Amino acid sequence: MMRPLTVVQMLPELEEGGVECETVELAEYLVGQGHRSLVISEGGRMVPALVASGSIHHTWPHIGEKSPRCLAYLVQLRRLLAETPVDILHLRSRLPAWIGYLAWKSLPSKKRPYLVTTFHGFHSINAYSAIMARGQRIIAVSQCIAEHIKTAYGVPDERIAVIYGSYDEESFAPERVEAARVDALRRQWGLADDGLPLILLPGRITRLKGHELFISSLARIRDLPWLAVCTGDLGQNPRLSSELQGLAAAAGLETRIRFVGFCADMPAALKMARVVVSSSVKPESFGRIAVEAQAMERPVVATAHGGSLETVVDGRTGWLVQPGNAEEMAQAMARAVLDEALCLSMGKNGRDWVGRRFSAQKLFEQTMAVYGRHGEKNLGRGKD
């Protein structure tokens, strides 16, 4: 068995999102396996759950902010790494990665922890993003991300581990979500239980998630019976939130497209839906929400690029549509609205598909295998 490790994960914040969920879930697993888990971020709504599961959280304000004041954390992190016997330093985002790498590099080679980075996205190809390729071992969250790393930065295969993102099998299981939770969410969002098919777009309120495309697609099927819900913290991008609500109103859909803010019970939201949409205008590196939706036996309409090509099976667990094509997206959503039996069949297929490929247990075991290289005569320790 692997000896107990001390693992430090660094990321900008712990508010919402796939990166954040994966960090918290891995931290809980580490503690449960007898390891010591530390997470550094500027904080967020996920911190209480992280701490309750046994991890230590270091709150460093502005650690994800592109500002010279972040350089002050170099000394702080170097001191932590020097005074705490850290085995693994796991960097998950570019700015914290620069802080982490420079502090790591400043240590004597024999005192450096094993350096792991995870590519969670298709970062722009430049010197700033290249920091994510500095890990002694680099995790790619999908095969398309692995190809991006090799093509953009010339990283050899042996330094890359493809570890797909995952979902929490305990939380995202339809039989575990009681009707009372769904009813409570309906009341919170002010939705009538009128049997209208619900079209759900979960995700951050950012340009990348394609809300404009979603609204345009819905306008094309206005004559069909449906209600649409967009989740995501409106306060993180209030200007765009207001703009999107204005677009819905201009299309005459202000009462049919609801922007409900942050959702604390995503399993219940997914269970409420007839179909779940991922309308990203740029490729998703993995696309956790599409996997969670399939785990909840809901078909997915997704734009056909990036990680969606690896997580959604077109015609079997959902529909893949041409990126930016509002008409194709509208047609796919119309099929879901009009054919409940087809959605149920696709939902069953989807749960089987993701259960065999994207479970959290797989991610944990594969990540521990990467961490375990630290114990192989300190393989790579101290090398740039």
Foldseek 3Di string as FASTA:
>chain_A
DDDAAEEEEEDAEQADDLVNVLLLVLLLVSVVVPHAYEYEYLYYPCVVVSVVSPHHYDHDPCQVPPDPVVLVCLVVVLVCLVVDQHAEYEYEDQSNLVSVVVSQLPDFLVSHHQYEYEDQFLDDQDPSVCSRVPGQAYEQQAVVSVVSCCVRPVDDPVRYDYFHAFDALVQLAQVVDDPVNLVVVCVLQVHDPPVFAEEEEEDALDVQQPLVLVLLLCLVPVVAGYAYEYEHACVVPVVSSVVSCVSCVVSVNNVRYYYNYHDPRVSSVLLSHLAYERQGLDARQADHVCLSSLLNLFAYEYAPDHNCVVQHDDPQQAHHDHHPDSNRSNVRVVCSRVDSPSRNRSSVRSSVRNVVPHHSVSSSVSVVVVSCVCVVVNVPRSPD
